[in-house]
PDB file of N, CA and C in Angstrom:
ATOM      1  N   MET A   1      99.429 -41.859  59.853  1.00  0.00           N
ATOM      2  CA  MET A   1      99.645 -40.426  60.262  1.00  0.00           C
ATOM      3  C   MET A   1      98.511 -40.039  61.186  1.00  0.00           C
ATOM      4  N   ASN A   2      98.842 -39.406  62.292  1.00  0.00           N
ATOM      5  CA  ASN A   2      97.786 -39.031  63.215  1.00  0.00           C
ATOM      6  C   ASN A   2      97.399 -37.551  62.856  1.00  0.00           C
ATOM      7  N   LYS A   3      96.379 -37.086  63.626  1.00  0.00           N
ATOM      8  CA  LYS A   3      95.854 -35.721  63.381  1.00  0.00           C
ATOM      9  C   LYS A   3      96.926 -34.632  63.544  1.00  0.00           C
ATOM     10  N   GLN A   4      97.675 -34.752  64.612  1.00  0.00           N
ATOM     11  CA  GLN A   4      98.662 -33.717  64.940  1.00  0.00           C
ATOM     12  C   GLN A   4      99.750 -33.648  63.819  1.00  0.00           C
ATOM     13  N   GLU A   5     100.180 -34.778  63.374  1.00  0.00           N
ATOM     14  CA  GLU A   5     101.217 -34.793  62.245  1.00  0.00           C
ATOM     15  C   GLU A   5     100.592 -34.175  61.002  1.00  0.00           C
ATOM     16  N   ALA A   6      99.378 -34.537  60.666  1.00  0.00           N
ATOM     17  CA  ALA A   6      98.704 -33.977  59.501  1.00  0.00           C
ATOM     18  C   ALA A   6      98.555 -32.464  59.583  1.00  0.00           C
ATOM     19  N   ILE A   7      98.156 -31.994  60.757  1.00  0.00           N
ATOM     20  CA  ILE A   7      97.973 -30.536  60.973  1.00  0.00           C
ATOM     21  C   ILE A   7      99.337 -29.829  60.803  1.00  0.00           C
ATOM     22  N   GLN A   8     100.403 -30.389  61.378  1.00  0.00           N
ATOM     23  CA  GLN A   8     101.689 -29.775  61.220  1.00  0.00           C
ATOM     24  C   GLN A   8     102.108 -29.714  59.786  1.00  0.00           C
ATOM     25  N   GLU A   9     101.876 -30.780  59.009  1.00  0.00           N
ATOM     26  CA  GLU A   9     102.297 -30.751  57.597  1.00  0.00           C
ATOM     27  C   GLU A   9     101.451 -29.722  56.821  1.00  0.00           C
ATOM     28  N   MET A  10     100.152 -29.637  57.106  1.00  0.00           N
ATOM     29  CA  MET A  10      99.276 -28.666  56.372  1.00  0.00           C
ATOM     30  C   MET A  10      99.691 -27.198  56.748  1.00  0.00           C
ATOM     31  N   TYR A  11      99.943 -26.955  58.018  1.00  0.00           N
ATOM     32  CA  TYR A  11     100.316 -25.607  58.405  1.00  0.00           C
ATOM     33  C   TYR A  11     101.618 -25.195  57.752  1.00  0.00           C
ATOM     34  N   LYS A  12     102.512 -26.119  57.595  1.00  0.00           N
ATOM     35  CA  LYS A  12     103.825 -25.822  56.948  1.00  0.00           C
ATOM     36  C   LYS A  12     103.647 -25.709  55.467  1.00  0.00           C
ATOM     37  N   GLY A  13     102.473 -26.076  54.970  1.00  0.00           N
ATOM     38  CA  GLY A  13     102.272 -26.091  53.490  1.00  0.00           C
ATOM     39  C   GLY A  13     103.021 -27.260  52.859  1.00  0.00           C
ATOM     40  N   ASN A  14     103.389 -28.221  53.690  1.00  0.00           N
ATOM     41  CA  ASN A  14     104.180 -29.361  53.229  1.00  0.00           C
ATOM     42  C   ASN A  14     103.267 -30.466  52.771  1.00  0.00           C
ATOM     43  N   TYR A  15     102.625 -30.299  51.675  1.00  0.00           N
ATOM     44  CA  TYR A  15     101.750 -31.301  51.160  1.00  0.00           C
ATOM     45  C   TYR A  15     102.505 -32.529  50.701  1.00  0.00           C
ATOM     46  N   GLU A  16     103.804 -32.315  50.363  1.00  0.00           N
ATOM     47  CA  GLU A  16     104.627 -33.446  50.013  1.00  0.00           C
ATOM     48  C   GLU A  16     104.782 -34.414  51.214  1.00  0.00           C
ATOM     49  N   GLY A  17     104.842 -33.834  52.439  1.00  0.00           N
ATOM     50  CA  GLY A  17     104.926 -34.655  53.617  1.00  0.00           C
ATOM     51  C   GLY A  17     103.657 -35.463  53.801  1.00  0.00           C
ATOM     52  N   LEU A  18     102.501 -34.900  53.431  1.00  0.00           N
ATOM     53  CA  LEU A  18     101.257 -35.641  53.511  1.00  0.00           C
ATOM     54  C   LEU A  18     101.241 -36.750  52.437  1.00  0.00           C
ATOM     55  N   HIS A  19     101.700 -36.439  51.278  1.00  0.00           N
ATOM     56  CA  HIS A  19     101.604 -37.356  50.141  1.00  0.00           C
ATOM     57  C   HIS A  19     102.563 -38.500  50.217  1.00  0.00           C
ATOM     58  N   ARG A  20     103.652 -38.307  51.001  1.00  0.00           N
ATOM     59  CA  ARG A  20     104.599 -39.434  51.212  1.00  0.00           C
ATOM     60  C   ARG A  20     103.936 -40.579  51.873  1.00  0.00           C
ATOM     61  N   ARG A  21     102.914 -40.283  52.601  1.00  0.00           N
ATOM     62  CA  ARG A  21     102.166 -41.372  53.323  1.00  0.00           C
ATOM     63  C   ARG A  21     101.272 -42.011  52.270  1.00  0.00           C
ATOM     64  N   ILE A  22     101.261 -43.304  52.253  1.00  0.00           N
ATOM     65  CA  ILE A  22     100.457 -43.994  51.235  1.00  0.00           C
ATOM     66  C   ILE A  22      98.978 -43.968  51.620  1.00  0.00           C
ATOM     67  N   LYS A  23      98.708 -44.229  52.850  1.00  0.00           N
ATOM     68  CA  LYS A  23      97.322 -44.200  53.335  1.00  0.00           C
ATOM     69  C   LYS A  23      97.198 -43.396  54.618  1.00  0.00           C
ATOM     70  N   MET A  24      96.055 -42.792  54.804  1.00  0.00           N
ATOM     71  CA  MET A  24      95.853 -41.949  56.007  1.00  0.00           C
ATOM     72  C   MET A  24      94.389 -42.130  56.435  1.00  0.00           C
ATOM     73  N   ASN A  25      94.152 -42.186  57.712  1.00  0.00           N
ATOM     74  CA  ASN A  25      92.837 -42.270  58.256  1.00  0.00           C
ATOM     75  C   ASN A  25      92.030 -41.060  57.770  1.00  0.00           C
ATOM     76  N   ARG A  26      90.852 -41.310  57.213  1.00  0.00           N
ATOM     77  CA  ARG A  26      90.016 -40.264  56.618  1.00  0.00           C
ATOM     78  C   ARG A  26      89.598 -39.213  57.631  1.00  0.00           C
ATOM     79  N   ASP A  27      89.208 -39.621  58.795  1.00  0.00           N
ATOM     80  CA  ASP A  27      88.782 -38.671  59.830  1.00  0.00           C
ATOM     81  C   ASP A  27      89.934 -37.715  60.220  1.00  0.00           C
ATOM     82  N   ASN A  28      91.125 -38.306  60.351  1.00  0.00           N
ATOM     83  CA  ASN A  28      92.281 -37.511  60.727  1.00  0.00           C
ATOM     84  C   ASN A  28      92.564 -36.460  59.600  1.00  0.00           C
ATOM     85  N   PHE A  29      92.484 -36.843  58.377  1.00  0.00           N
ATOM     86  CA  PHE A  29      92.709 -36.011  57.252  1.00  0.00           C
ATOM     87  C   PHE A  29      91.696 -34.847  57.245  1.00  0.00           C
ATOM     88  N   ILE A  30      90.439 -35.147  57.443  1.00  0.00           N
ATOM     89  CA  ILE A  30      89.357 -34.135  57.390  1.00  0.00           C
ATOM     90  C   ILE A  30      89.566 -33.147  58.579  1.00  0.00           C
ATOM     91  N   TYR A  31      89.832 -33.724  59.757  1.00  0.00           N
ATOM     92  CA  TYR A  31      90.059 -32.851  60.934  1.00  0.00           C
ATOM     93  C   TYR A  31      91.249 -31.900  60.676  1.00  0.00           C
ATOM     94  N   ALA A  32      92.328 -32.399  60.142  1.00  0.00           N
ATOM     95  CA  ALA A  32      93.516 -31.556  59.925  1.00  0.00           C
ATOM     96  C   ALA A  32      93.158 -30.460  58.878  1.00  0.00           C
ATOM     97  N   ALA A  33      92.440 -30.844  57.858  1.00  0.00           N
ATOM     98  CA  ALA A  33      92.075 -29.871  56.805  1.00  0.00           C
ATOM     99  C   ALA A  33      91.199 -28.736  57.358  1.00  0.00           C
ATOM    100  N   ILE A  34      90.292 -29.117  58.233  1.00  0.00           N
ATOM    101  CA  ILE A  34      89.411 -28.093  58.845  1.00  0.00           C
ATOM    102  C   ILE A  34      90.171 -27.202  59.748  1.00  0.00           C
ATOM    103  N   VAL A  35      91.015 -27.715  60.608  1.00  0.00           N
ATOM    104  CA  VAL A  35      91.833 -26.937  61.546  1.00  0.00           C
ATOM    105  C   VAL A  35      92.726 -25.933  60.802  1.00  0.00           C
ATOM    106  N   THR A  36      93.315 -26.388  59.688  1.00  0.00           N
ATOM    107  CA  THR A  36      94.269 -25.532  58.995  1.00  0.00           C
ATOM    108  C   THR A  36      93.634 -24.700  57.933  1.00  0.00           C
ATOM    109  N   GLY A  37      92.310 -24.776  57.713  1.00  0.00           N
ATOM    110  CA  GLY A  37      91.657 -23.978  56.692  1.00  0.00           C
ATOM    111  C   GLY A  37      91.886 -24.473  55.292  1.00  0.00           C
ATOM    112  N   SER A  38      92.282 -25.740  55.156  1.00  0.00           N
ATOM    113  CA  SER A  38      92.596 -26.326  53.822  1.00  0.00           C
ATOM    114  C   SER A  38      91.342 -27.086  53.304  1.00  0.00           C
ATOM    115  N   LEU A  39      90.215 -26.460  53.360  1.00  0.00           N
ATOM    116  CA  LEU A  39      88.983 -27.174  52.997  1.00  0.00           C
ATOM    117  C   LEU A  39      88.939 -27.636  51.581  1.00  0.00           C
ATOM    118  N   ASP A  40      89.731 -27.017  50.680  1.00  0.00           N
ATOM    119  CA  ASP A  40      89.736 -27.453  49.286  1.00  0.00           C
ATOM    120  C   ASP A  40      90.290 -28.890  49.168  1.00  0.00           C
ATOM    121  N   LEU A  41      91.056 -29.331  50.146  1.00  0.00           N
ATOM    122  CA  LEU A  41      91.573 -30.683  50.083  1.00  0.00           C
ATOM    123  C   LEU A  41      90.522 -31.724  50.395  1.00  0.00           C
ATOM    124  N   ILE A  42      89.419 -31.358  50.998  1.00  0.00           N
ATOM    125  CA  ILE A  42      88.424 -32.377  51.331  1.00  0.00           C
ATOM    126  C   ILE A  42      87.162 -32.268  50.494  1.00  0.00           C
ATOM    127  N   ARG A  43      87.170 -31.435  49.500  1.00  0.00           N
ATOM    128  CA  ARG A  43      86.017 -31.241  48.659  1.00  0.00           C
ATOM    129  C   ARG A  43      85.468 -32.495  48.042  1.00  0.00           C
ATOM    130  N   ASP A  44      86.272 -33.288  47.437  1.00  0.00           N
ATOM    131  CA  ASP A  44      85.811 -34.482  46.716  1.00  0.00           C
ATOM    132  C   ASP A  44      86.486 -35.726  47.231  1.00  0.00           C
ATOM    133  N   LEU A  45      86.501 -35.874  48.506  1.00  0.00           N
ATOM    134  CA  LEU A  45      87.148 -37.098  49.080  1.00  0.00           C
ATOM    135  C   LEU A  45      86.360 -38.342  48.783  1.00  0.00           C
ATOM    136  N   PRO A  46      87.072 -39.423  48.468  1.00  0.00           N
ATOM    137  CA  PRO A  46      86.338 -40.668  48.239  1.00  0.00           C
ATOM    138  C   PRO A  46      85.821 -41.288  49.568  1.00  0.00           C
ATOM    139  N   GLU A  47      84.907 -42.127  49.501  1.00  0.00           N
ATOM    140  CA  GLU A  47      84.310 -42.758  50.672  1.00  0.00           C
ATOM    141  C   GLU A  47      85.326 -43.813  51.228  1.00  0.00           C
ATOM    142  N   GLY A  48      85.138 -44.188  52.454  1.00  0.00           N
ATOM    143  CA  GLY A  48      86.002 -45.226  53.039  1.00  0.00           C
ATOM    144  C   GLY A  48      86.678 -44.706  54.304  1.00  0.00           C
ATOM    145  N   ASP A  49      87.336 -45.655  54.979  1.00  0.00           N
ATOM    146  CA  ASP A  49      88.015 -45.308  56.245  1.00  0.00           C
ATOM    147  C   ASP A  49      89.400 -44.682  56.018  1.00  0.00           C
ATOM    148  N   GLU A  50      90.015 -45.040  54.853  1.00  0.00           N
ATOM    149  CA  GLU A  50      91.339 -44.533  54.595  1.00  0.00           C
ATOM    150  C   GLU A  50      91.380 -43.794  53.267  1.00  0.00           C
ATOM    151  N   ILE A  51      92.279 -42.872  53.137  1.00  0.00           N
ATOM    152  CA  ILE A  51      92.435 -42.092  51.941  1.00  0.00           C
ATOM    153  C   ILE A  51      93.773 -42.488  51.299  1.00  0.00           C
ATOM    154  N   ASP A  52      93.722 -42.787  50.007  1.00  0.00           N
ATOM    155  CA  ASP A  52      94.959 -43.107  49.274  1.00  0.00           C
ATOM    156  C   ASP A  52      95.627 -41.726  48.895  1.00  0.00           C
ATOM    157  N   MET A  53      96.639 -41.420  49.625  1.00  0.00           N
ATOM    158  CA  MET A  53      97.287 -40.083  49.430  1.00  0.00           C
ATOM    159  C   MET A  53      97.926 -39.925  48.073  1.00  0.00           C
ATOM    160  N   CYS A  54      98.381 -41.022  47.491  1.00  0.00           N
ATOM    161  CA  CYS A  54      98.987 -40.910  46.150  1.00  0.00           C
ATOM    162  C   CYS A  54      97.925 -40.499  45.129  1.00  0.00           C
ATOM    163  N   GLU A  55      96.720 -41.058  45.201  1.00  0.00           N
ATOM    164  CA  GLU A  55      95.632 -40.703  44.329  1.00  0.00           C
ATOM    165  C   GLU A  55      95.194 -39.268  44.577  1.00  0.00           C
ATOM    166  N   GLU A  56      95.106 -38.841  45.808  1.00  0.00           N
ATOM    167  CA  GLU A  56      94.714 -37.491  46.152  1.00  0.00           C
ATOM    168  C   GLU A  56      95.711 -36.521  45.609  1.00  0.00           C
ATOM    169  N   ARG A  57      97.011 -36.872  45.671  1.00  0.00           N
ATOM    170  CA  ARG A  57      98.004 -35.961  45.139  1.00  0.00           C
ATOM    171  C   ARG A  57      97.892 -35.807  43.641  1.00  0.00           C
ATOM    172  N   LYS A  58      97.627 -36.864  42.893  1.00  0.00           N
ATOM    173  CA  LYS A  58      97.477 -36.778  41.473  1.00  0.00           C
ATOM    174  C   LYS A  58      96.268 -35.875  41.153  1.00  0.00           C
ATOM    175  N   GLU A  59      95.152 -36.055  41.851  1.00  0.00           N
ATOM    176  CA  GLU A  59      93.965 -35.227  41.600  1.00  0.00           C
ATOM    177  C   GLU A  59      94.270 -33.728  41.905  1.00  0.00           C
ATOM    178  N   GLY A  60      95.016 -33.509  43.021  1.00  0.00           N
ATOM    179  CA  GLY A  60      95.353 -32.148  43.358  1.00  0.00           C
ATOM    180  C   GLY A  60      96.244 -31.499  42.315  1.00  0.00           C
ATOM    181  N   GLU A  61      97.190 -32.261  41.748  1.00  0.00           N
ATOM    182  CA  GLU A  61      98.056 -31.711  40.692  1.00  0.00           C
ATOM    183  C   GLU A  61      97.259 -31.374  39.466  1.00  0.00           C
ATOM    184  N   LYS A  62      96.277 -32.219  39.150  1.00  0.00           N
ATOM    185  CA  LYS A  62      95.449 -31.917  37.943  1.00  0.00           C
ATOM    186  C   LYS A  62      94.699 -30.618  38.158  1.00  0.00           C
ATOM    187  N   ARG A  63      94.133 -30.402  39.335  1.00  0.00           N
ATOM    188  CA  ARG A  63      93.432 -29.188  39.665  1.00  0.00           C
ATOM    189  C   ARG A  63      94.339 -27.983  39.587  1.00  0.00           C
ATOM    190  N   GLU A  64      95.555 -28.143  40.114  1.00  0.00           N
ATOM    191  CA  GLU A  64      96.489 -27.004  40.096  1.00  0.00           C
ATOM    192  C   GLU A  64      96.896 -26.620  38.671  1.00  0.00           C
ATOM    193  N   LYS A  65      97.159 -27.607  37.859  1.00  0.00           N
ATOM    194  CA  LYS A  65      97.510 -27.382  36.453  1.00  0.00           C
ATOM    195  C   LYS A  65      96.362 -26.682  35.709  1.00  0.00           C
ATOM    196  N   LYS A  66      95.157 -27.159  35.975  1.00  0.00           N
ATOM    197  CA  LYS A  66      94.000 -26.547  35.315  1.00  0.00           C
ATOM    198  C   LYS A  66      93.878 -25.059  35.776  1.00  0.00           C
ATOM    199  N   THR A  67      94.102 -24.784  37.021  1.00  0.00           N
ATOM    200  CA  THR A  67      94.037 -23.432  37.536  1.00  0.00           C
ATOM    201  C   THR A  67      95.090 -22.533  36.925  1.00  0.00           C
ATOM    202  N   VAL A  68      96.312 -23.045  36.782  1.00  0.00           N
ATOM    203  CA  VAL A  68      97.374 -22.274  36.150  1.00  0.00           C
ATOM    204  C   VAL A  68      97.021 -21.961  34.702  1.00  0.00           C
ATOM    205  N   LEU A  69      96.510 -22.963  34.002  1.00  0.00           N
ATOM    206  CA  LEU A  69      96.088 -22.704  32.626  1.00  0.00           C
ATOM    207  C   LEU A  69      95.013 -21.663  32.506  1.00  0.00           C
ATOM    208  N   SER A  70      94.067 -21.699  33.460  1.00  0.00           N
ATOM    209  CA  SER A  70      92.952 -20.727  33.488  1.00  0.00           C
ATOM    210  C   SER A  70      93.551 -19.311  33.732  1.00  0.00           C
ATOM    211  N   LEU A  71      94.482 -19.211  34.642  1.00  0.00           N
ATOM    212  CA  LEU A  71      95.121 -17.903  34.898  1.00  0.00           C
ATOM    213  C   LEU A  71      95.837 -17.394  33.662  1.00  0.00           C
ATOM    214  N   LEU A  72      96.567 -18.265  32.989  1.00  0.00           N
ATOM    215  CA  LEU A  72      97.279 -17.861  31.790  1.00  0.00           C
ATOM    216  C   LEU A  72      96.333 -17.428  30.698  1.00  0.00           C
ATOM    217  N   LYS A  73      95.207 -18.105  30.548  1.00  0.00           N
ATOM    218  CA  LYS A  73      94.242 -17.731  29.561  1.00  0.00           C
ATOM    219  C   LYS A  73      93.602 -16.379  29.810  1.00  0.00           C
ATOM    220  N   VAL A  74      93.413 -16.057  31.091  1.00  0.00           N
ATOM    221  CA  VAL A  74      92.902 -14.735  31.431  1.00  0.00           C
ATOM    222  C   VAL A  74      93.986 -13.677  31.150  1.00  0.00           C
ATOM    223  N   LYS A  75      95.242 -13.978  31.497  1.00  0.00           N
ATOM    224  CA  LYS A  75      96.333 -13.054  31.323  1.00  0.00           C
ATOM    225  C   LYS A  75      96.689 -12.827  29.875  1.00  0.00           C
ATOM    226  N   LEU A  76      96.790 -13.917  29.067  1.00  0.00           N
ATOM    227  CA  LEU A  76      97.282 -13.873  27.717  1.00  0.00           C
ATOM    228  C   LEU A  76      96.258 -14.012  26.625  1.00  0.00           C
ATOM    229  N   GLY A  77      95.053 -14.421  26.991  1.00  0.00           N
ATOM    230  CA  GLY A  77      94.071 -14.786  25.979  1.00  0.00           C
ATOM    231  C   GLY A  77      94.250 -16.260  25.726  1.00  0.00           C
ATOM    232  N   ASN A  78      94.012 -16.685  24.469  1.00  0.00           N
ATOM    233  CA  ASN A  78      94.218 -18.094  24.143  1.00  0.00           C
ATOM    234  C   ASN A  78      95.699 -18.454  24.264  1.00  0.00           C
ATOM    235  N   VAL A  79      95.954 -19.709  24.636  1.00  0.00           N
ATOM    236  CA  VAL A  79      97.342 -20.207  24.749  1.00  0.00           C
ATOM    237  C   VAL A  79      97.518 -21.320  23.751  1.00  0.00           C
ATOM    238  N   SER A  80      98.744 -21.492  23.268  1.00  0.00           N
ATOM    239  CA  SER A  80      99.015 -22.484  22.250  1.00  0.00           C
ATOM    240  C   SER A  80      98.930 -23.913  22.886  1.00  0.00           C
ATOM    241  N   ASN A  81      98.807 -24.877  21.982  1.00  0.00           N
ATOM    242  CA  ASN A  81      98.798 -26.260  22.427  1.00  0.00           C
ATOM    243  C   ASN A  81     100.197 -26.639  23.061  1.00  0.00           C
ATOM    244  N   GLN A  82     101.225 -26.022  22.486  1.00  0.00           N
ATOM    245  CA  GLN A  82     102.589 -26.266  22.970  1.00  0.00           C
ATOM    246  C   GLN A  82     102.691 -25.808  24.446  1.00  0.00           C
ATOM    247  N   LEU A  83     102.135 -24.677  24.747  1.00  0.00           N
ATOM    248  CA  LEU A  83     102.200 -24.148  26.104  1.00  0.00           C
ATOM    249  C   LEU A  83     101.361 -25.045  26.998  1.00  0.00           C
ATOM    250  N   GLU A  84     100.169 -25.441  26.555  1.00  0.00           N
ATOM    251  CA  GLU A  84      99.321 -26.289  27.375  1.00  0.00           C
ATOM    252  C   GLU A  84     100.078 -27.590  27.752  1.00  0.00           C
ATOM    253  N   GLN A  85     100.713 -28.146  26.784  1.00  0.00           N
ATOM    254  CA  GLN A  85     101.492 -29.379  26.961  1.00  0.00           C
ATOM    255  C   GLN A  85     102.667 -29.166  27.951  1.00  0.00           C
ATOM    256  N   ALA A  86     103.287 -28.011  27.835  1.00  0.00           N
ATOM    257  CA  ALA A  86     104.383 -27.681  28.735  1.00  0.00           C
ATOM    258  C   ALA A  86     103.881 -27.567  30.187  1.00  0.00           C
ATOM    259  N   ILE A  87     102.729 -26.988  30.355  1.00  0.00           N
ATOM    260  CA  ILE A  87     102.116 -26.849  31.665  1.00  0.00           C
ATOM    261  C   ILE A  87     101.766 -28.284  32.228  1.00  0.00           C
ATOM    262  N   GLN A  88     101.129 -29.071  31.411  1.00  0.00           N
ATOM    263  CA  GLN A  88     100.717 -30.406  31.819  1.00  0.00           C
ATOM    264  C   GLN A  88     101.953 -31.299  32.200  1.00  0.00           C
ATOM    265  N   ASN A  89     103.063 -31.061  31.514  1.00  0.00           N
ATOM    266  CA  ASN A  89     104.255 -31.926  31.755  1.00  0.00           C
ATOM    267  C   ASN A  89     105.194 -31.372  32.810  1.00  0.00           C
ATOM    268  N   ASN A  90     104.883 -30.226  33.400  1.00  0.00           N
ATOM    269  CA  ASN A  90     105.788 -29.599  34.338  1.00  0.00           C
ATOM    270  C   ASN A  90     105.515 -29.987  35.740  1.00  0.00           C
ATOM    271  N   SER A  91     106.462 -29.779  36.641  1.00  0.00           N
ATOM    272  CA  SER A  91     106.299 -30.084  38.098  1.00  0.00           C
ATOM    273  C   SER A  91     105.463 -29.016  38.722  1.00  0.00           C
ATOM    274  N   ILE A  92     104.835 -29.367  39.811  1.00  0.00           N
ATOM    275  CA  ILE A  92     104.036 -28.422  40.582  1.00  0.00           C
ATOM    276  C   ILE A  92     104.961 -27.270  41.151  1.00  0.00           C
ATOM    277  N   GLU A  93     106.149 -27.646  41.475  1.00  0.00           N
ATOM    278  CA  GLU A  93     107.083 -26.609  42.008  1.00  0.00           C
ATOM    279  C   GLU A  93     107.268 -25.463  40.964  1.00  0.00           C
ATOM    280  N   LYS A  94     107.579 -25.887  39.691  1.00  0.00           N
ATOM    281  CA  LYS A  94     107.763 -24.922  38.656  1.00  0.00           C
ATOM    282  C   LYS A  94     106.454 -24.113  38.392  1.00  0.00           C
ATOM    283  N   LEU A  95     105.358 -24.785  38.490  1.00  0.00           N
ATOM    284  CA  LEU A  95     104.099 -24.118  38.246  1.00  0.00           C
ATOM    285  C   LEU A  95     103.786 -23.128  39.406  1.00  0.00           C
ATOM    286  N   ASN A  96     104.191 -23.441  40.613  1.00  0.00           N
ATOM    287  CA  ASN A  96     104.048 -22.522  41.707  1.00  0.00           C
ATOM    288  C   ASN A  96     104.910 -21.234  41.464  1.00  0.00           C
ATOM    289  N   THR A  97     106.123 -21.458  40.956  1.00  0.00           N
ATOM    290  CA  THR A  97     106.978 -20.337  40.607  1.00  0.00           C
ATOM    291  C   THR A  97     106.323 -19.437  39.513  1.00  0.00           C
ATOM    292  N   LEU A  98     105.694 -20.159  38.536  1.00  0.00           N
ATOM    293  CA  LEU A  98     105.024 -19.469  37.514  1.00  0.00           C
ATOM    294  C   LEU A  98     103.827 -18.627  38.002  1.00  0.00           C
ATOM    295  N   THR A  99     103.079 -19.223  38.895  1.00  0.00           N
ATOM    296  CA  THR A  99     101.961 -18.516  39.531  1.00  0.00           C
ATOM    297  C   THR A  99     102.409 -17.259  40.281  1.00  0.00           C
ATOM    298  N   LEU A 100     103.518 -17.354  41.000  1.00  0.00           N
ATOM    299  CA  LEU A 100     104.043 -16.193  41.714  1.00  0.00           C
ATOM    300  C   LEU A 100     104.544 -15.088  40.776  1.00  0.00           C
ATOM    301  N   SER A 101     104.849 -15.495  39.519  1.00  0.00           N
ATOM    302  CA  SER A 101     105.339 -14.501  38.565  1.00  0.00           C
ATOM    303  C   SER A 101     104.322 -14.064  37.555  1.00  0.00           C
ATOM    304  N   ILE A 102     103.058 -14.353  37.780  1.00  0.00           N
ATOM    305  CA  ILE A 102     102.002 -14.176  36.800  1.00  0.00           C
ATOM    306  C   ILE A 102     101.943 -12.704  36.388  1.00  0.00           C
ATOM    307  N   PHE A 103     102.160 -11.743  37.286  1.00  0.00           N
ATOM    308  CA  PHE A 103     102.028 -10.356  36.935  1.00  0.00           C
ATOM    309  C   PHE A 103     103.154  -9.856  36.022  1.00  0.00           C
ATOM    310  N   ALA A 104     104.260 -10.536  35.999  1.00  0.00           N
ATOM    311  CA  ALA A 104     105.381 -10.146  35.119  1.00  0.00           C
ATOM    312  C   ALA A 104     105.320 -10.781  33.741  1.00  0.00           C
ATOM    313  N   ILE A 105     104.415 -11.669  33.511  1.00  0.00           N
ATOM    314  CA  ILE A 105     104.298 -12.378  32.250  1.00  0.00           C
ATOM    315  C   ILE A 105     103.562 -11.495  31.227  1.00  0.00           C
ATOM    316  N   THR A 106     104.131 -11.397  30.017  1.00  0.00           N
ATOM    317  CA  THR A 106     103.478 -10.639  28.965  1.00  0.00           C
ATOM    318  C   THR A 106     103.143 -11.504  27.743  1.00  0.00           C
ATOM    319  N   ASN A 107     103.855 -12.651  27.628  1.00  0.00           N
ATOM    320  CA  ASN A 107     103.622 -13.523  26.462  1.00  0.00           C
ATOM    321  C   ASN A 107     104.000 -14.944  26.801  1.00  0.00           C
ATOM    322  N   GLU A 108     103.823 -15.889  25.860  1.00  0.00           N
ATOM    323  CA  GLU A 108     104.121 -17.236  26.122  1.00  0.00           C
ATOM    324  C   GLU A 108     105.590 -17.497  26.311  1.00  0.00           C
ATOM    325  N   ASP A 109     106.415 -16.758  25.670  1.00  0.00           N
ATOM    326  CA  ASP A 109     107.898 -16.954  25.828  1.00  0.00           C
ATOM    327  C   ASP A 109     108.276 -16.684  27.329  1.00  0.00           C
ATOM    328  N   ASP A 110     107.639 -15.683  27.979  1.00  0.00           N
ATOM    329  CA  ASP A 110     107.909 -15.445  29.395  1.00  0.00           C
ATOM    330  C   ASP A 110     107.570 -16.693  30.208  1.00  0.00           C
ATOM    331  N   VAL A 111     106.452 -17.302  29.898  1.00  0.00           N
ATOM    332  CA  VAL A 111     106.002 -18.494  30.622  1.00  0.00           C
ATOM    333  C   VAL A 111     107.049 -19.595  30.428  1.00  0.00           C
ATOM    334  N   LEU A 112     107.446 -19.860  29.194  1.00  0.00           N
ATOM    335  CA  LEU A 112     108.375 -20.937  28.938  1.00  0.00           C
ATOM    336  C   LEU A 112     109.689 -20.723  29.570  1.00  0.00           C
ATOM    337  N   LYS A 113     110.166 -19.489  29.702  1.00  0.00           N
ATOM    338  CA  LYS A 113     111.442 -19.191  30.422  1.00  0.00           C
ATOM    339  C   LYS A 113     111.324 -19.560  31.864  1.00  0.00           C
ATOM    340  N   ILE A 114     110.165 -19.349  32.499  1.00  0.00           N
ATOM    341  CA  ILE A 114     109.997 -19.649  33.874  1.00  0.00           C
ATOM    342  C   ILE A 114     109.935 -21.125  34.152  1.00  0.00           C
ATOM    343  N   ILE A 115     109.217 -21.903  33.277  1.00  0.00           N
ATOM    344  CA  ILE A 115     109.003 -23.287  33.564  1.00  0.00           C
ATOM    345  C   ILE A 115     110.034 -24.218  32.984  1.00  0.00           C
ATOM    346  N   ASN A 116     110.903 -23.697  32.111  1.00  0.00           N
ATOM    347  CA  ASN A 116     111.942 -24.609  31.490  1.00  0.00           C
ATOM    348  C   ASN A 116     113.248 -24.398  32.147  1.00  0.00           C
TER     349      ASN A 116
END
């Protein structure tokens, strides 16, 4: 993937398009992240000439799930182990929907309705 393709995918918010690539030149990835303001993507990049996009995706998903759990703990107080497991086992797409609905959530049942 070249810089221009990476920039286009990042501007579109199409990180799936980035992650479909198995390997990407590290410099192209960093350049695209800087141009699009996606600096959080380059925070903990591994060393080397190429980036394993599958591994980066997994790490990104872990960070997103941790962030969603943190938001829910602020909103609801402590959350049950059942809810934590539901968050960990859910897709990023469902968790994005949950994040957009965070202000409407009043209890764990509301969360489960959104992600199930």
